[in-house]
């Protein structure tokens, strides 16, 4: 998936776990630990177009927040927009579920839940909005190379390859689109941020470093392929 999500959850450990897992799946995750923080972030996205603030594709919303109830944000959202909202809460009373679903929530997940189920519910919510998302690729194996994004590991010929955080993020972005060309622009935005659009030398530098660590012959790469004038592509490990 490639979505921008707002995660509203006051439990620090769960918030961190969900954020990390969703980022592995290719999501850009902004977090809030309270109702006031979530309201402030949401208000920022409503500013005029000169701010260039990107809105959220989906919101994951806890109810029991330290300074109020998450349902207040749901009602506020529904007065202005139709952003998908999935409630994540320990509350399991049927009456409240029905009330919030009728108020505009797209789904209601009772804690504890599995990451797989959450990701599936996200795909369903987005599909109802016309976006047919595929599960993200998080594991790549080809010949003697194995990349596991969930476990943050890269192995070649059975040996662990140590990557810098930026090298790993660049490789992860290519893994999630294995077999597809990812443009220079998209890589710069996803790995470094919008403000680095003109820094194409970063790509050349880090791609060179990745090839030096992963390729048998960096001058003639087998995995990390260049598409001249367009971008880079990780060799498809599952050709049809």
Protein backbone atom coordinates (compact mmCIF):
# COMPACT_ATOMS: atom_id res chain seq x y z
CA UNK A 1 0.00 0.00 0.00
CA UNK A 2 1.01 3.59 -0.46
CA UNK A 3 -1.25 5.68 1.75
CA UNK A 4 -0.94 8.65 4.07
CA UNK A 5 -2.54 7.71 7.39
CA UNK A 6 -3.35 9.51 10.61
CA UNK A 7 -3.05 7.13 13.57
CA UNK A 8 -4.75 8.42 16.74
CA UNK A 9 -3.76 6.18 19.64
CA UNK A 10 -2.70 7.08 23.20
CA UNK A 11 -1.00 3.77 24.02
CA UNK A 12 2.66 4.50 23.25
CA UNK A 13 3.69 0.89 22.66
CA UNK A 14 0.74 0.08 20.40
CA UNK A 15 1.15 3.37 18.55
CA UNK A 16 4.80 2.64 17.87
CA UNK A 17 4.11 -0.96 16.86
CA UNK A 18 1.32 -0.01 14.45
CA UNK A 19 3.32 2.87 12.98
CA UNK A 20 6.34 0.66 12.30
CA UNK A 21 4.22 -2.13 10.79
CA UNK A 22 2.26 0.25 8.57
CA UNK A 23 5.44 1.93 7.38
CA UNK A 24 6.83 -1.47 6.37
CA UNK A 25 3.68 -1.89 4.31
CA UNK A 26 4.50 1.34 2.49
CA UNK A 27 2.31 3.80 4.37
CA UNK A 28 3.25 7.32 5.42
CA UNK A 29 2.03 7.43 9.04
CA UNK A 30 1.43 10.55 11.13
CA UNK A 31 0.61 9.86 14.78
CA UNK A 32 -1.35 11.64 17.50
CA UNK A 33 -1.55 10.61 21.16
CA UNK A 34 -4.53 12.75 22.19
CA UNK A 35 -7.73 14.29 20.86
CA UNK A 36 -6.26 17.80 20.93
CA UNK A 37 -3.18 16.69 19.00
CA UNK A 38 -5.34 14.90 16.42
CA UNK A 39 -7.57 17.97 16.05
CA UNK A 40 -4.52 20.18 15.55
CA UNK A 41 -3.10 17.88 12.88
CA UNK A 42 -6.46 17.60 11.15
CA UNK A 43 -6.90 21.39 11.22
CA UNK A 44 -3.49 21.79 9.59
CA UNK A 45 -4.64 19.72 6.63
CA UNK A 46 -7.62 22.01 6.17
CA UNK A 47 -5.56 25.14 5.60
CA UNK A 48 -5.66 26.79 2.20
CA UNK A 49 -3.80 25.33 -0.75
CA UNK A 50 -0.82 27.68 -0.32
CA UNK A 51 0.38 25.51 2.57
CA UNK A 52 0.57 22.49 0.23
CA UNK A 53 -0.50 20.31 3.16
CA UNK A 54 -1.46 16.84 1.98
CA UNK A 55 -4.70 15.44 3.36
CA UNK A 56 -4.99 11.92 4.78
CA UNK A 57 -6.13 8.88 2.83
CA UNK A 58 -7.41 7.14 5.96
CA UNK A 59 -7.65 7.64 9.73
CA UNK A 60 -7.20 4.99 12.41
CA UNK A 61 -8.99 6.27 15.49
CA UNK A 62 -8.91 5.10 19.09
CA UNK A 63 -11.82 6.14 21.31
CA UNK A 64 -10.44 6.27 24.85
CA UNK A 65 -8.09 9.24 24.57
CA UNK A 66 -6.69 11.06 27.63
CA UNK A 67 -8.45 14.37 26.87
CA UNK A 68 -11.68 13.27 25.26
CA UNK A 69 -13.44 10.67 23.18
CA UNK A 70 -12.24 9.83 19.67
CA UNK A 71 -15.84 9.87 18.46
CA UNK A 72 -15.68 13.69 18.66
CA UNK A 73 -13.11 13.69 15.87
CA UNK A 74 -15.24 11.31 13.82
CA UNK A 75 -18.24 13.65 14.06
CA UNK A 76 -16.07 16.62 13.17
CA UNK A 77 -14.65 14.82 10.14
CA UNK A 78 -18.04 13.79 8.86
CA UNK A 79 -19.26 17.37 8.86
CA UNK A 80 -16.58 18.26 6.31
CA UNK A 81 -15.27 15.26 4.41
CA UNK A 82 -15.57 11.58 3.65
CA UNK A 83 -12.08 10.36 4.61
CA UNK A 84 -12.27 6.67 5.56
CA UNK A 85 -12.18 6.16 9.34
CA UNK A 86 -11.53 2.84 11.07
CA UNK A 87 -12.22 2.76 14.80
CA UNK A 88 -9.66 0.77 16.83
CA UNK A 89 -10.88 0.35 20.41
CA UNK A 90 -11.05 -2.03 23.36
CA UNK A 91 -14.72 -1.16 23.73
CA UNK A 92 -16.84 -4.01 22.39
CA UNK A 93 -20.40 -3.00 23.29
CA UNK A 94 -22.60 -3.66 20.28
CA UNK A 95 -24.60 -0.49 20.82
CA UNK A 96 -21.57 1.76 20.53
CA UNK A 97 -20.33 -0.08 17.45
CA UNK A 98 -23.67 0.46 15.74
CA UNK A 99 -23.80 4.11 16.81
CA UNK A 100 -20.35 4.89 15.40
CA UNK A 101 -20.88 2.95 12.19
CA UNK A 102 -24.13 4.87 11.69
CA UNK A 103 -22.23 8.10 12.44
CA UNK A 104 -19.91 7.44 9.51
CA UNK A 105 -17.14 5.11 10.66
CA UNK A 106 -16.13 2.74 7.88
CA UNK A 107 -15.19 -0.10 10.20
CA UNK A 108 -14.75 -0.98 13.86
CA UNK A 109 -11.92 -3.22 15.08
CA UNK A 110 -11.89 -4.44 18.68
CA UNK A 111 -8.49 -4.71 20.37
CA UNK A 112 -6.53 -6.87 20.32
CA UNK A 113 -6.47 -7.48 16.58
CA UNK A 114 -3.89 -8.84 14.18
CA UNK A 115 -1.92 -6.64 11.83
CA UNK A 116 -3.07 -8.78 8.91
CA UNK A 117 -6.70 -8.11 9.72
CA UNK A 118 -6.08 -4.39 10.10
CA UNK A 119 -4.35 -4.21 6.72
CA UNK A 120 -7.20 -6.16 5.12
CA UNK A 121 -9.79 -3.79 6.66
CA UNK A 122 -7.79 -0.82 5.35
CA UNK A 123 -7.82 -2.30 1.85
CA UNK A 124 -11.59 -2.86 2.08
CA UNK A 125 -12.21 0.72 3.26
CA UNK A 126 -10.12 2.10 0.41
CA UNK A 127 -11.77 -0.22 -2.11
CA UNK A 128 -15.14 1.23 -1.09
CA UNK A 129 -13.68 4.63 -2.09
CA UNK A 130 -12.63 3.32 -5.50
CA UNK A 131 -8.98 2.56 -4.69
CA UNK A 132 -8.16 -1.10 -5.31
CA UNK A 133 -4.99 -1.66 -3.27
CA UNK A 134 -2.81 -4.72 -3.36
CA UNK A 135 -1.00 -6.02 -0.30
CA UNK A 136 2.46 -4.51 -0.23
CA UNK A 137 5.47 -6.65 -1.04
CA UNK A 138 7.50 -6.94 2.15
CA UNK A 139 9.72 -9.92 1.31
CA UNK A 140 11.94 -10.30 -1.72
CA UNK A 141 13.95 -13.39 -2.63
CA UNK A 142 15.93 -13.92 -5.80
CA UNK A 143 18.91 -16.18 -6.30
CA UNK A 144 21.13 -15.63 -3.23
CA UNK A 145 19.53 -12.36 -2.12
CA UNK A 146 16.83 -12.21 0.58
CA UNK A 147 15.26 -8.96 1.79
CA UNK A 148 12.73 -9.05 4.65
CA UNK A 149 11.28 -5.61 5.37
CA UNK A 150 9.20 -6.74 8.35
CA UNK A 151 12.31 -8.05 10.11
CA UNK A 152 14.50 -5.27 8.76
CA UNK A 153 17.00 -7.80 7.42
CA UNK A 154 19.02 -8.22 4.23
CA UNK A 155 20.97 -11.40 3.52
CA UNK A 156 23.16 -12.43 0.61
CA UNK A 157 24.60 -15.92 0.34
CA UNK A 158 23.35 -16.52 3.89
CA UNK A 159 25.32 -13.63 5.33
CA UNK A 160 23.78 -10.50 6.87
CA UNK A 161 24.33 -7.32 4.89
CA UNK A 162 24.47 -4.21 7.06
CA UNK A 163 22.78 -1.16 5.53
CA UNK A 164 22.51 2.41 6.76
CA UNK A 165 18.95 3.61 7.54
CA UNK A 166 18.83 5.58 4.28
CA UNK A 167 20.15 2.66 2.23
CA UNK A 168 17.52 0.40 3.78
CA UNK A 169 14.71 2.90 3.16
CA UNK A 170 15.72 3.25 -0.48
CA UNK A 171 15.91 -0.51 -0.93
CA UNK A 172 12.56 -0.98 0.86
CA UNK A 173 10.89 1.49 -1.52
CA UNK A 174 12.14 -0.54 -4.48
CA UNK A 175 11.09 -3.84 -2.87
CA UNK A 176 7.53 -2.58 -2.44
CA UNK A 177 7.40 -1.97 -6.19
CA UNK A 178 9.51 -4.95 -7.28
CA UNK A 179 9.44 -5.35 -11.04
CA UNK A 180 8.15 -1.81 -11.58
CA UNK A 181 10.08 1.31 -12.43
CA UNK A 182 10.10 3.90 -9.64
CA UNK A 183 10.87 7.39 -10.89
CA UNK A 184 13.70 9.54 -9.59
CA UNK A 185 11.10 12.00 -8.32
CA UNK A 186 9.11 9.37 -6.41
CA UNK A 187 12.19 7.91 -4.79
CA UNK A 188 13.43 11.32 -3.66
CA UNK A 189 10.04 12.23 -2.17
CA UNK A 190 9.45 8.87 -0.48
CA UNK A 191 12.95 8.40 0.93
CA UNK A 192 14.16 11.96 1.62
CA UNK A 193 11.08 14.20 1.41
CA UNK A 194 9.46 16.75 -0.88
CA UNK A 195 12.19 19.31 -0.25
CA UNK A 196 14.83 17.04 -1.85
CA UNK A 197 13.29 16.85 -5.33
CA UNK A 198 16.31 18.49 -6.95
CA UNK A 199 18.91 16.37 -5.14
CA UNK A 200 19.24 13.63 -7.76
CA UNK A 201 22.88 13.16 -6.76
CA UNK A 202 21.60 11.59 -3.53
CA UNK A 203 20.05 8.79 -5.58
CA UNK A 204 23.20 8.16 -7.56
CA UNK A 205 25.30 8.10 -4.39
CA UNK A 206 23.09 5.74 -2.39
CA UNK A 207 22.28 3.50 -5.33
CA UNK A 208 26.03 3.12 -5.86
CA UNK A 209 26.43 2.17 -2.20
CA UNK A 210 23.61 -0.39 -2.39
CA UNK A 211 25.06 -1.95 -5.52
CA UNK A 212 28.48 -2.18 -3.91
CA UNK A 213 26.93 -4.18 -1.04
CA UNK A 214 24.42 -6.31 -2.95
CA UNK A 215 25.66 -6.86 -6.50
CA UNK A 216 28.27 -9.37 -7.59
CA UNK A 217 29.53 -6.79 -10.08
CA UNK A 218 28.28 -3.27 -9.22
CA UNK A 219 29.23 -2.05 -12.72
CA UNK A 220 26.87 -4.65 -14.23
CA UNK A 221 24.00 -4.89 -11.74
CA UNK A 222 21.65 -7.89 -11.78
CA UNK A 223 19.09 -6.70 -9.20
CA UNK A 224 19.16 -2.91 -8.95
CA UNK A 225 18.52 -1.83 -12.51
CA UNK A 226 18.68 1.65 -14.04
CA UNK A 227 15.94 2.88 -16.35
CA UNK A 228 17.79 5.70 -18.16
CA UNK A 229 16.16 9.08 -17.73
CA UNK A 230 13.32 7.62 -15.63
CA UNK A 231 14.40 5.95 -12.42
CA UNK A 232 15.33 2.57 -10.96
CA UNK A 233 13.78 -0.88 -10.83
CA UNK A 234 14.36 -3.91 -8.64
CA UNK A 235 14.38 -7.04 -10.79
CA UNK A 236 11.03 -8.82 -10.63
CA UNK A 237 11.47 -11.97 -8.56
CA UNK A 238 8.15 -13.44 -9.64
CA UNK A 239 7.76 -12.94 -13.39
CA UNK A 240 4.51 -14.25 -14.90
